[in-house]
Amino acid sequence: MRSSLWFAVLALLIPWDRPCAQEPVSYASDVAPLLRQHCAGCHRPGKAKGDLDVSTYSSLLRGGRGGVAIVAGRPIQSSILNQVSGDEPAMPTKGEPLEEAQVAVLRRWIAEGAHAGAPPAKPAAAPGPPRISSAPTATSAIAYSPDGTRLATTGDHEMPAQTERIAGYHRDVISNAMRRARARIGEIEAER
């Protein structure tokens, strides 16, 4: 009985309403795409209304004619947040206002210190072009162009150069393979 009472007391003392630890807001992944979508139409190089350019982290921190747009750690003093939030946001002037969740991301990023953070990871590079070989290689596939002037072959991640010498070599290989296949088919039919 006493143990269940202690458990109940402990359960009441634990702050259940405390939110779980969240990852910090990323400028590159969260804030920059939001600014690009909603603000960069009017606030970009060559068309920086109010001399505010939001296209890069450094230009955003520089601010514009109205002063600094971001005061790190102080969302209330950050003019950009004041422009996009409230009952009737002043920005963006064209298009729909930011959703409350988007404003919350911006507010949280500023409150966290408005750090640039690491850029998003780049996707793995695509494999390069196949190696070009001037000597015949083991062939896994072969195709001639419809007019018979070009030859494409592959094998072991290589693509032999399409010279007449190699094309002739492959024609010989194909001819020999076809001749052997026809002979074998003839032998099989004769055995029946």
N, C-alpha and C. Protein backbone atom coordinates (compact mmCIF):
# COMPACT_ATOMS: atom_id res chain seq x y z
N MET A 1 0.82 -1.19 0.00
CA MET A 1 0.00 0.00 0.00
C MET A 1 0.87 1.26 0.00
N ARG A 2 1.91 1.23 0.85
CA ARG A 2 2.78 2.40 0.92
C ARG A 2 3.52 2.63 -0.39
N SER A 3 3.93 1.54 -1.05
CA SER A 3 4.67 1.71 -2.31
C SER A 3 3.79 2.35 -3.38
N SER A 4 2.52 1.98 -3.43
CA SER A 4 1.64 2.60 -4.43
C SER A 4 1.38 4.07 -4.09
N LEU A 5 1.37 4.41 -2.81
CA LEU A 5 1.20 5.80 -2.41
C LEU A 5 2.42 6.62 -2.84
N TRP A 6 3.61 6.06 -2.63
CA TRP A 6 4.83 6.75 -3.05
C TRP A 6 4.86 6.91 -4.57
N PHE A 7 4.42 5.90 -5.26
CA PHE A 7 4.38 5.98 -6.72
C PHE A 7 3.45 7.11 -7.17
N ALA A 8 2.31 7.23 -6.53
CA ALA A 8 1.35 8.29 -6.87
C ALA A 8 1.94 9.67 -6.58
N VAL A 9 2.65 9.80 -5.47
CA VAL A 9 3.27 11.08 -5.13
C VAL A 9 4.35 11.43 -6.15
N LEU A 10 5.17 10.45 -6.51
CA LEU A 10 6.21 10.68 -7.51
C LEU A 10 5.61 11.06 -8.86
N ALA A 11 4.53 10.40 -9.22
CA ALA A 11 3.87 10.69 -10.49
C ALA A 11 3.38 12.13 -10.53
N LEU A 12 2.94 12.64 -9.39
CA LEU A 12 2.47 14.02 -9.34
C LEU A 12 3.62 15.02 -9.41
N LEU A 13 4.80 14.62 -8.97
CA LEU A 13 5.95 15.52 -8.96
C LEU A 13 6.65 15.61 -10.32
N ILE A 14 6.47 14.62 -11.16
CA ILE A 14 7.13 14.62 -12.47
C ILE A 14 6.42 15.62 -13.38
N PRO A 15 7.16 16.52 -14.01
CA PRO A 15 6.52 17.52 -14.89
C PRO A 15 6.14 16.88 -16.23
N TRP A 16 4.96 16.32 -16.31
CA TRP A 16 4.51 15.61 -17.51
C TRP A 16 4.27 16.55 -18.68
N ASP A 17 4.03 17.81 -18.42
CA ASP A 17 3.74 18.73 -19.52
C ASP A 17 5.00 19.30 -20.16
N ARG A 18 6.18 18.94 -19.67
CA ARG A 18 7.42 19.45 -20.24
C ARG A 18 7.61 18.85 -21.63
N PRO A 19 7.84 19.67 -22.64
CA PRO A 19 8.02 19.12 -23.98
C PRO A 19 9.33 18.35 -24.08
N CYS A 20 9.35 17.39 -24.96
CA CYS A 20 10.58 16.62 -25.19
C CYS A 20 11.61 17.55 -25.83
N ALA A 21 12.86 17.22 -25.62
CA ALA A 21 13.93 18.02 -26.23
C ALA A 21 13.80 17.96 -27.74
N GLN A 22 13.88 19.12 -28.38
CA GLN A 22 13.74 19.19 -29.82
C GLN A 22 15.08 19.53 -30.44
N GLU A 23 15.24 19.12 -31.67
CA GLU A 23 16.41 19.52 -32.43
C GLU A 23 16.34 21.02 -32.65
N PRO A 24 17.47 21.71 -32.64
CA PRO A 24 17.42 23.15 -32.93
C PRO A 24 16.95 23.39 -34.36
N VAL A 25 16.33 24.52 -34.57
CA VAL A 25 15.86 24.88 -35.90
C VAL A 25 17.09 25.14 -36.77
N SER A 26 17.09 24.62 -37.96
CA SER A 26 18.21 24.78 -38.88
C SER A 26 17.92 25.89 -39.88
N TYR A 27 18.87 26.79 -40.04
CA TYR A 27 18.70 27.84 -41.04
C TYR A 27 18.58 27.22 -42.43
N ALA A 28 19.51 26.32 -42.76
CA ALA A 28 19.56 25.76 -44.11
C ALA A 28 18.34 24.90 -44.43
N SER A 29 17.89 24.11 -43.48
CA SER A 29 16.79 23.18 -43.76
C SER A 29 15.41 23.75 -43.47
N ASP A 30 15.30 24.65 -42.50
CA ASP A 30 13.99 25.13 -42.07
C ASP A 30 13.71 26.58 -42.45
N VAL A 31 14.65 27.46 -42.17
CA VAL A 31 14.41 28.90 -42.33
C VAL A 31 14.62 29.36 -43.77
N ALA A 32 15.75 28.99 -44.38
CA ALA A 32 16.04 29.45 -45.74
C ALA A 32 14.95 29.06 -46.74
N PRO A 33 14.45 27.80 -46.73
CA PRO A 33 13.37 27.47 -47.66
C PRO A 33 12.10 28.31 -47.43
N LEU A 34 11.81 28.60 -46.18
CA LEU A 34 10.64 29.41 -45.84
C LEU A 34 10.80 30.83 -46.40
N LEU A 35 11.98 31.41 -46.20
CA LEU A 35 12.24 32.76 -46.71
C LEU A 35 12.25 32.78 -48.24
N ARG A 36 12.82 31.73 -48.82
CA ARG A 36 12.87 31.64 -50.29
C ARG A 36 11.45 31.59 -50.87
N GLN A 37 10.59 30.83 -50.23
CA GLN A 37 9.22 30.65 -50.73
C GLN A 37 8.36 31.90 -50.54
N HIS A 38 8.48 32.55 -49.39
CA HIS A 38 7.55 33.63 -49.06
C HIS A 38 8.12 35.04 -49.17
N CYS A 39 9.44 35.20 -49.13
CA CYS A 39 10.01 36.55 -49.04
C CYS A 39 10.93 36.92 -50.20
N ALA A 40 11.61 35.94 -50.77
CA ALA A 40 12.65 36.24 -51.76
C ALA A 40 12.09 36.81 -53.06
N GLY A 41 10.80 36.70 -53.29
CA GLY A 41 10.22 37.29 -54.49
C GLY A 41 10.43 38.80 -54.53
N CYS A 42 10.40 39.44 -53.37
CA CYS A 42 10.57 40.90 -53.29
C CYS A 42 11.88 41.31 -52.62
N HIS A 43 12.50 40.41 -51.90
CA HIS A 43 13.70 40.75 -51.12
C HIS A 43 14.87 39.86 -51.55
N ARG A 44 15.38 40.14 -52.75
CA ARG A 44 16.50 39.37 -53.31
C ARG A 44 17.44 40.33 -54.02
N PRO A 45 18.63 39.87 -54.39
CA PRO A 45 19.55 40.76 -55.11
C PRO A 45 18.89 41.28 -56.39
N GLY A 46 19.06 42.54 -56.64
CA GLY A 46 18.47 43.15 -57.83
C GLY A 46 17.05 43.64 -57.61
N LYS A 47 16.39 43.15 -56.58
CA LYS A 47 15.02 43.59 -56.28
C LYS A 47 14.83 43.51 -54.77
N ALA A 48 15.68 44.20 -54.04
CA ALA A 48 15.63 44.14 -52.58
C ALA A 48 14.80 45.30 -52.05
N LYS A 49 13.50 45.08 -51.97
CA LYS A 49 12.62 46.13 -51.44
C LYS A 49 13.05 46.46 -50.02
N GLY A 50 13.10 47.74 -49.73
CA GLY A 50 13.56 48.18 -48.41
C GLY A 50 15.02 47.84 -48.18
N ASP A 51 15.75 47.58 -49.26
CA ASP A 51 17.16 47.18 -49.19
C ASP A 51 17.38 45.92 -48.35
N LEU A 52 16.35 45.10 -48.21
CA LEU A 52 16.47 43.85 -47.46
C LEU A 52 16.58 42.70 -48.44
N ASP A 53 17.67 41.96 -48.32
CA ASP A 53 17.92 40.78 -49.16
C ASP A 53 17.91 39.56 -48.24
N VAL A 54 16.99 38.63 -48.48
CA VAL A 54 16.89 37.44 -47.63
C VAL A 54 17.46 36.20 -48.33
N SER A 55 18.20 36.39 -49.42
CA SER A 55 18.67 35.25 -50.19
C SER A 55 19.82 34.49 -49.53
N THR A 56 20.57 35.14 -48.65
CA THR A 56 21.65 34.45 -47.94
C THR A 56 21.59 34.79 -46.46
N TYR A 57 22.23 33.96 -45.68
CA TYR A 57 22.26 34.17 -44.23
C TYR A 57 22.91 35.52 -43.90
N SER A 58 24.05 35.80 -44.52
CA SER A 58 24.77 37.05 -44.19
C SER A 58 23.98 38.28 -44.61
N SER A 59 23.32 38.23 -45.77
CA SER A 59 22.54 39.40 -46.19
C SER A 59 21.31 39.59 -45.31
N LEU A 60 20.74 38.50 -44.82
CA LEU A 60 19.61 38.59 -43.91
C LEU A 60 20.02 39.28 -42.61
N LEU A 61 21.19 38.89 -42.08
CA LEU A 61 21.66 39.50 -40.83
C LEU A 61 22.04 40.96 -41.01
N ARG A 62 22.44 41.35 -42.23
CA ARG A 62 22.78 42.75 -42.49
C ARG A 62 21.56 43.66 -42.34
N GLY A 63 20.41 43.12 -42.68
CA GLY A 63 19.19 43.91 -42.58
C GLY A 63 18.98 44.79 -43.79
N GLY A 64 18.15 45.80 -43.63
CA GLY A 64 17.84 46.68 -44.75
C GLY A 64 17.70 48.12 -44.31
N ARG A 65 16.94 48.87 -45.07
CA ARG A 65 16.75 50.29 -44.79
C ARG A 65 16.13 50.51 -43.41
N GLY A 66 15.29 49.59 -42.98
CA GLY A 66 14.62 49.72 -41.68
C GLY A 66 15.47 49.24 -40.51
N GLY A 67 16.72 48.89 -40.77
CA GLY A 67 17.60 48.40 -39.70
C GLY A 67 17.76 46.90 -39.77
N VAL A 68 18.20 46.33 -38.65
CA VAL A 68 18.43 44.88 -38.63
C VAL A 68 17.10 44.15 -38.66
N ALA A 69 17.07 43.06 -39.39
CA ALA A 69 15.85 42.26 -39.49
C ALA A 69 15.80 41.20 -38.41
N ILE A 70 16.98 40.74 -37.99
CA ILE A 70 17.09 39.66 -37.01
C ILE A 70 17.92 40.14 -35.83
N VAL A 71 17.39 40.02 -34.63
CA VAL A 71 18.15 40.26 -33.41
C VAL A 71 18.25 38.90 -32.73
N ALA A 72 19.41 38.26 -32.87
CA ALA A 72 19.60 36.90 -32.37
C ALA A 72 19.23 36.79 -30.90
N GLY A 73 18.40 35.80 -30.60
CA GLY A 73 17.97 35.57 -29.23
C GLY A 73 16.82 36.44 -28.77
N ARG A 74 16.38 37.36 -29.62
CA ARG A 74 15.30 38.29 -29.23
C ARG A 74 14.23 38.39 -30.33
N PRO A 75 13.33 37.45 -30.35
CA PRO A 75 12.30 37.45 -31.40
C PRO A 75 11.45 38.72 -31.40
N ILE A 76 11.13 39.25 -30.23
CA ILE A 76 10.26 40.42 -30.15
C ILE A 76 10.91 41.64 -30.80
N GLN A 77 12.24 41.74 -30.73
CA GLN A 77 12.95 42.87 -31.30
C GLN A 77 13.33 42.65 -32.76
N SER A 78 13.01 41.50 -33.32
CA SER A 78 13.36 41.19 -34.71
C SER A 78 12.26 41.68 -35.63
N SER A 79 12.58 42.68 -36.44
CA SER A 79 11.56 43.30 -37.29
C SER A 79 10.96 42.32 -38.29
N ILE A 80 11.74 41.36 -38.76
CA ILE A 80 11.19 40.42 -39.74
C ILE A 80 10.04 39.62 -39.13
N LEU A 81 10.19 39.24 -37.88
CA LEU A 81 9.14 38.48 -37.21
C LEU A 81 7.90 39.35 -36.99
N ASN A 82 8.11 40.61 -36.65
CA ASN A 82 6.99 41.52 -36.46
C ASN A 82 6.23 41.75 -37.78
N GLN A 83 6.94 41.70 -38.90
CA GLN A 83 6.32 41.93 -40.20
C GLN A 83 5.46 40.74 -40.66
N VAL A 84 5.83 39.52 -40.25
CA VAL A 84 5.12 38.33 -40.75
C VAL A 84 4.13 37.74 -39.75
N SER A 85 4.03 38.32 -38.56
CA SER A 85 3.14 37.75 -37.55
C SER A 85 2.07 38.77 -37.13
N GLY A 86 1.18 38.32 -36.29
CA GLY A 86 0.11 39.18 -35.80
C GLY A 86 -1.21 38.87 -36.50
N ASP A 87 -2.25 39.62 -36.11
CA ASP A 87 -3.58 39.39 -36.69
C ASP A 87 -3.62 39.74 -38.17
N GLU A 88 -2.96 40.84 -38.54
CA GLU A 88 -2.90 41.25 -39.94
C GLU A 88 -1.44 41.52 -40.30
N PRO A 89 -0.69 40.47 -40.67
CA PRO A 89 0.73 40.65 -40.96
C PRO A 89 0.94 41.58 -42.15
N ALA A 90 1.98 42.41 -42.06
CA ALA A 90 2.31 43.34 -43.14
C ALA A 90 2.97 42.62 -44.31
N MET A 91 3.62 41.52 -44.04
CA MET A 91 4.33 40.77 -45.08
C MET A 91 3.87 39.32 -45.06
N PRO A 92 3.93 38.66 -46.16
CA PRO A 92 4.24 39.17 -47.49
C PRO A 92 3.07 39.98 -48.06
N THR A 93 3.41 40.98 -48.85
CA THR A 93 2.36 41.83 -49.41
C THR A 93 1.62 41.11 -50.52
N LYS A 94 2.31 40.19 -51.20
CA LYS A 94 1.69 39.40 -52.26
C LYS A 94 1.61 37.96 -51.79
N GLY A 95 0.48 37.36 -51.99
CA GLY A 95 0.33 35.96 -51.60
C GLY A 95 -0.23 35.82 -50.20
N GLU A 96 -0.32 34.57 -49.79
CA GLU A 96 -0.88 34.24 -48.49
C GLU A 96 0.11 34.54 -47.37
N PRO A 97 -0.39 34.93 -46.21
CA PRO A 97 0.51 35.12 -45.07
C PRO A 97 1.08 33.78 -44.62
N LEU A 98 2.17 33.85 -43.89
CA LEU A 98 2.78 32.63 -43.36
C LEU A 98 1.81 31.94 -42.42
N GLU A 99 1.85 30.62 -42.42
CA GLU A 99 1.03 29.87 -41.48
C GLU A 99 1.63 30.03 -40.08
N GLU A 100 0.81 29.82 -39.08
CA GLU A 100 1.26 29.98 -37.69
C GLU A 100 2.46 29.08 -37.40
N ALA A 101 2.46 27.87 -37.95
CA ALA A 101 3.58 26.95 -37.73
C ALA A 101 4.87 27.50 -38.34
N GLN A 102 4.76 28.17 -39.49
CA GLN A 102 5.94 28.76 -40.13
C GLN A 102 6.47 29.93 -39.31
N VAL A 103 5.56 30.74 -38.80
CA VAL A 103 5.96 31.86 -37.94
C VAL A 103 6.64 31.31 -36.68
N ALA A 104 6.10 30.20 -36.15
CA ALA A 104 6.68 29.59 -34.95
C ALA A 104 8.10 29.09 -35.22
N VAL A 105 8.34 28.54 -36.40
CA VAL A 105 9.69 28.09 -36.76
C VAL A 105 10.64 29.28 -36.78
N LEU A 106 10.23 30.35 -37.43
CA LEU A 106 11.05 31.55 -37.51
C LEU A 106 11.31 32.13 -36.11
N ARG A 107 10.27 32.19 -35.30
CA ARG A 107 10.39 32.72 -33.93
C ARG A 107 11.37 31.85 -33.12
N ARG A 108 11.21 30.55 -33.22
CA ARG A 108 12.08 29.65 -32.46
C ARG A 108 13.53 29.75 -32.92
N TRP A 109 13.74 29.87 -34.23
CA TRP A 109 15.10 29.99 -34.76
C TRP A 109 15.77 31.26 -34.21
N ILE A 110 15.04 32.36 -34.19
CA ILE A 110 15.59 33.61 -33.66
C ILE A 110 15.86 33.46 -32.17
N ALA A 111 14.91 32.87 -31.43
CA ALA A 111 15.07 32.68 -29.98
C ALA A 111 16.28 31.79 -29.67
N GLU A 112 16.56 30.83 -30.54
CA GLU A 112 17.70 29.93 -30.33
C GLU A 112 19.03 30.58 -30.69
N GLY A 113 18.99 31.80 -31.19
CA GLY A 113 20.23 32.51 -31.50
C GLY A 113 20.44 32.77 -32.97
N ALA A 114 19.52 32.36 -33.82
CA ALA A 114 19.59 32.61 -35.27
C ALA A 114 20.92 32.18 -35.86
N HIS A 115 21.35 30.98 -35.52
CA HIS A 115 22.62 30.46 -36.01
C HIS A 115 22.49 29.98 -37.45
N ALA A 116 23.59 30.10 -38.18
CA ALA A 116 23.61 29.62 -39.57
C ALA A 116 23.55 28.11 -39.60
N GLY A 117 24.23 27.47 -38.67
CA GLY A 117 24.24 26.01 -38.64
C GLY A 117 24.97 25.44 -39.83
N ALA A 118 25.01 24.15 -39.87
CA ALA A 118 25.69 23.46 -40.96
C ALA A 118 24.77 23.39 -42.18
N PRO A 119 25.34 23.50 -43.37
CA PRO A 119 24.50 23.36 -44.56
C PRO A 119 23.99 21.93 -44.66
N PRO A 120 22.88 21.72 -45.37
CA PRO A 120 22.36 20.36 -45.48
C PRO A 120 23.37 19.46 -46.19
N ALA A 121 23.34 18.19 -45.83
CA ALA A 121 24.26 17.23 -46.44
C ALA A 121 23.98 17.14 -47.94
N LYS A 122 25.06 17.08 -48.71
CA LYS A 122 24.90 16.95 -50.16
C LYS A 122 24.66 15.50 -50.51
N PRO A 123 23.82 15.25 -51.51
CA PRO A 123 23.60 13.86 -51.91
C PRO A 123 24.89 13.28 -52.50
N ALA A 124 24.99 11.98 -52.43
CA ALA A 124 26.17 11.31 -52.98
C ALA A 124 26.29 11.61 -54.47
N ALA A 125 27.51 11.78 -54.91
CA ALA A 125 27.75 12.09 -56.31
C ALA A 125 27.38 10.89 -57.19
N ALA A 126 26.84 11.19 -58.33
CA ALA A 126 26.49 10.14 -59.28
C ALA A 126 27.78 9.53 -59.84
N PRO A 127 27.75 8.26 -60.21
CA PRO A 127 28.95 7.67 -60.77
C PRO A 127 29.32 8.38 -62.07
N GLY A 128 30.60 8.42 -62.34
CA GLY A 128 31.09 9.10 -63.53
C GLY A 128 30.78 8.31 -64.78
N PRO A 129 31.19 8.85 -65.92
CA PRO A 129 30.93 8.14 -67.18
C PRO A 129 31.75 6.86 -67.24
N PRO A 130 31.33 5.92 -68.07
CA PRO A 130 32.08 4.67 -68.17
C PRO A 130 33.48 4.92 -68.73
N ARG A 131 34.41 4.03 -68.36
CA ARG A 131 35.76 4.14 -68.89
C ARG A 131 35.72 3.84 -70.39
N ILE A 132 36.58 4.50 -71.12
CA ILE A 132 36.68 4.26 -72.56
C ILE A 132 37.92 3.39 -72.77
N SER A 133 37.72 2.30 -73.47
CA SER A 133 38.81 1.36 -73.71
C SER A 133 39.09 1.31 -75.20
N SER A 134 40.36 1.23 -75.56
CA SER A 134 40.70 1.12 -76.97
C SER A 134 40.93 -0.33 -77.37
N ALA A 135 40.92 -1.23 -76.41
CA ALA A 135 41.11 -2.66 -76.69
C ALA A 135 39.81 -3.40 -76.44
N PRO A 136 39.60 -4.50 -77.14
CA PRO A 136 38.38 -5.28 -76.92
C PRO A 136 38.31 -5.77 -75.48
N THR A 137 37.10 -5.79 -74.94
CA THR A 137 36.88 -6.26 -73.58
C THR A 137 35.80 -7.33 -73.60
N ALA A 138 35.62 -7.99 -72.47
CA ALA A 138 34.52 -8.94 -72.36
C ALA A 138 33.23 -8.18 -72.57
N THR A 139 32.38 -8.67 -73.43
CA THR A 139 31.17 -7.95 -73.81
C THR A 139 29.95 -8.59 -73.18
N SER A 140 29.16 -7.77 -72.49
CA SER A 140 27.92 -8.29 -71.90
C SER A 140 26.70 -7.84 -72.68
N ALA A 141 26.84 -6.81 -73.51
CA ALA A 141 25.73 -6.35 -74.34
C ALA A 141 26.31 -5.66 -75.57
N ILE A 142 25.58 -5.75 -76.66
CA ILE A 142 26.05 -5.13 -77.90
C ILE A 142 24.85 -4.67 -78.71
N ALA A 143 25.01 -3.55 -79.39
CA ALA A 143 23.93 -3.05 -80.24
C ALA A 143 24.52 -2.19 -81.35
N TYR A 144 23.97 -2.36 -82.55
CA TYR A 144 24.35 -1.52 -83.67
C TYR A 144 23.28 -0.47 -83.87
N SER A 145 23.68 0.67 -84.42
CA SER A 145 22.68 1.67 -84.77
C SER A 145 21.89 1.14 -85.96
N PRO A 146 20.68 1.64 -86.18
CA PRO A 146 19.86 1.13 -87.28
C PRO A 146 20.56 1.18 -88.64
N ASP A 147 21.40 2.19 -88.85
CA ASP A 147 22.07 2.27 -90.15
C ASP A 147 23.37 1.46 -90.19
N GLY A 148 23.74 0.83 -89.06
CA GLY A 148 24.91 -0.04 -89.02
C GLY A 148 26.24 0.68 -88.94
N THR A 149 26.24 1.99 -88.74
CA THR A 149 27.51 2.72 -88.71
C THR A 149 28.08 2.87 -87.31
N ARG A 150 27.27 2.67 -86.28
CA ARG A 150 27.74 2.82 -84.91
C ARG A 150 27.51 1.54 -84.13
N LEU A 151 28.43 1.29 -83.23
CA LEU A 151 28.36 0.10 -82.40
C LEU A 151 28.47 0.52 -80.94
N ALA A 152 27.60 0.01 -80.11
CA ALA A 152 27.68 0.26 -78.67
C ALA A 152 27.81 -1.08 -77.97
N THR A 153 28.83 -1.20 -77.14
CA THR A 153 29.03 -2.43 -76.38
C THR A 153 29.30 -2.08 -74.93
N THR A 154 29.01 -3.01 -74.05
CA THR A 154 29.32 -2.80 -72.64
C THR A 154 29.90 -4.08 -72.07
N GLY A 155 30.63 -3.90 -70.99
CA GLY A 155 31.19 -5.04 -70.29
C GLY A 155 32.10 -4.54 -69.19
N ASP A 156 31.93 -5.04 -68.01
CA ASP A 156 32.77 -4.69 -66.87
C ASP A 156 32.89 -3.18 -66.71
N HIS A 157 31.77 -2.47 -66.81
CA HIS A 157 31.72 -1.02 -66.62
C HIS A 157 32.58 -0.27 -67.63
N GLU A 158 32.78 -0.84 -68.78
CA GLU A 158 33.56 -0.18 -69.82
C GLU A 158 32.71 -0.01 -71.05
N MET A 159 33.10 0.93 -71.86
CA MET A 159 32.43 1.13 -73.14
C MET A 159 33.53 1.31 -74.17
N PRO A 160 33.83 0.27 -74.95
CA PRO A 160 34.94 0.38 -75.90
C PRO A 160 34.72 1.51 -76.90
N ALA A 161 35.83 2.11 -77.30
CA ALA A 161 35.77 3.14 -78.32
C ALA A 161 35.20 2.52 -79.59
N GLN A 162 34.45 3.29 -80.32
CA GLN A 162 33.75 2.74 -81.47
C GLN A 162 34.58 2.94 -82.74
N THR A 163 35.71 2.27 -82.79
CA THR A 163 36.55 2.36 -83.98
C THR A 163 36.17 1.24 -84.93
N GLU A 164 36.57 1.38 -86.15
CA GLU A 164 36.25 0.36 -87.15
C GLU A 164 36.92 -0.97 -86.78
N ARG A 165 38.13 -0.90 -86.20
CA ARG A 165 38.83 -2.13 -85.82
C ARG A 165 38.02 -2.90 -84.78
N ILE A 166 37.53 -2.18 -83.76
CA ILE A 166 36.76 -2.83 -82.71
C ILE A 166 35.40 -3.26 -83.24
N ALA A 167 34.80 -2.41 -84.06
CA ALA A 167 33.51 -2.78 -84.64
C ALA A 167 33.66 -4.06 -85.46
N GLY A 168 34.76 -4.14 -86.22
CA GLY A 168 35.01 -5.36 -87.00
C GLY A 168 35.20 -6.56 -86.09
N TYR A 169 35.92 -6.37 -84.99
CA TYR A 169 36.13 -7.45 -84.02
C TYR A 169 34.79 -7.95 -83.49
N HIS A 170 33.92 -7.03 -83.10
CA HIS A 170 32.62 -7.44 -82.56
C HIS A 170 31.75 -8.09 -83.62
N ARG A 171 31.84 -7.60 -84.87
CA ARG A 171 31.09 -8.26 -85.94
C ARG A 171 31.54 -9.71 -86.08
N ASP A 172 32.86 -9.92 -85.99
CA ASP A 172 33.39 -11.29 -86.09
C ASP A 172 32.91 -12.14 -84.93
N VAL A 173 32.93 -11.57 -83.72
CA VAL A 173 32.48 -12.32 -82.54
C VAL A 173 31.02 -12.70 -82.70
N ILE A 174 30.21 -11.76 -83.14
CA ILE A 174 28.78 -12.04 -83.31
C ILE A 174 28.58 -13.08 -84.41
N SER A 175 29.27 -12.93 -85.50
CA SER A 175 29.13 -13.90 -86.60
C SER A 175 29.51 -15.29 -86.14
N ASN A 176 30.64 -15.41 -85.42
CA ASN A 176 31.07 -16.72 -84.93
C ASN A 176 30.06 -17.29 -83.94
N ALA A 177 29.53 -16.45 -83.04
CA ALA A 177 28.55 -16.92 -82.07
C ALA A 177 27.28 -17.39 -82.77
N MET A 178 26.84 -16.65 -83.77
CA MET A 178 25.64 -17.03 -84.51
C MET A 178 25.88 -18.34 -85.27
N ARG A 179 27.04 -18.48 -85.88
CA ARG A 179 27.37 -19.70 -86.62
C ARG A 179 27.36 -20.90 -85.68
N ARG A 180 27.99 -20.75 -84.47
CA ARG A 180 28.01 -21.85 -83.50
C ARG A 180 26.60 -22.17 -83.00
N ALA A 181 25.79 -21.13 -82.78
CA ALA A 181 24.43 -21.35 -82.29
C ALA A 181 23.61 -22.10 -83.34
N ARG A 182 23.74 -21.71 -84.61
CA ARG A 182 23.00 -22.41 -85.67
C ARG A 182 23.44 -23.87 -85.78
N ALA A 183 24.75 -24.08 -85.65
CA ALA A 183 25.27 -25.46 -85.73
C ALA A 183 24.73 -26.29 -84.57
N ARG A 184 24.71 -25.72 -83.39
CA ARG A 184 24.21 -26.45 -82.22
C ARG A 184 22.73 -26.74 -82.34
N ILE A 185 21.97 -25.78 -82.86
CA ILE A 185 20.53 -26.00 -83.07
C ILE A 185 20.33 -27.14 -84.07
N GLY A 186 21.16 -27.15 -85.12
CA GLY A 186 21.07 -28.23 -86.10
C GLY A 186 21.36 -29.59 -85.47
N GLU A 187 22.37 -29.65 -84.59
CA GLU A 187 22.71 -30.91 -83.91
C GLU A 187 21.56 -31.38 -83.03
N ILE A 188 20.95 -30.46 -82.31
CA ILE A 188 19.84 -30.82 -81.41
C ILE A 188 18.67 -31.35 -82.22
N GLU A 189 18.36 -30.70 -83.34
CA GLU A 189 17.23 -31.15 -84.17
C GLU A 189 17.52 -32.51 -84.79
N ALA A 190 18.79 -32.76 -85.13
CA ALA A 190 19.16 -34.04 -85.73
C ALA A 190 19.03 -35.17 -84.72
N GLU A 191 19.27 -34.88 -83.44
CA GLU A 191 19.18 -35.90 -82.40
C GLU A 191 17.74 -36.31 -82.12
N ARG A 192 16.80 -35.51 -82.47
CA ARG A 192 15.39 -35.81 -82.19
C ARG A 192 14.91 -36.87 -83.07
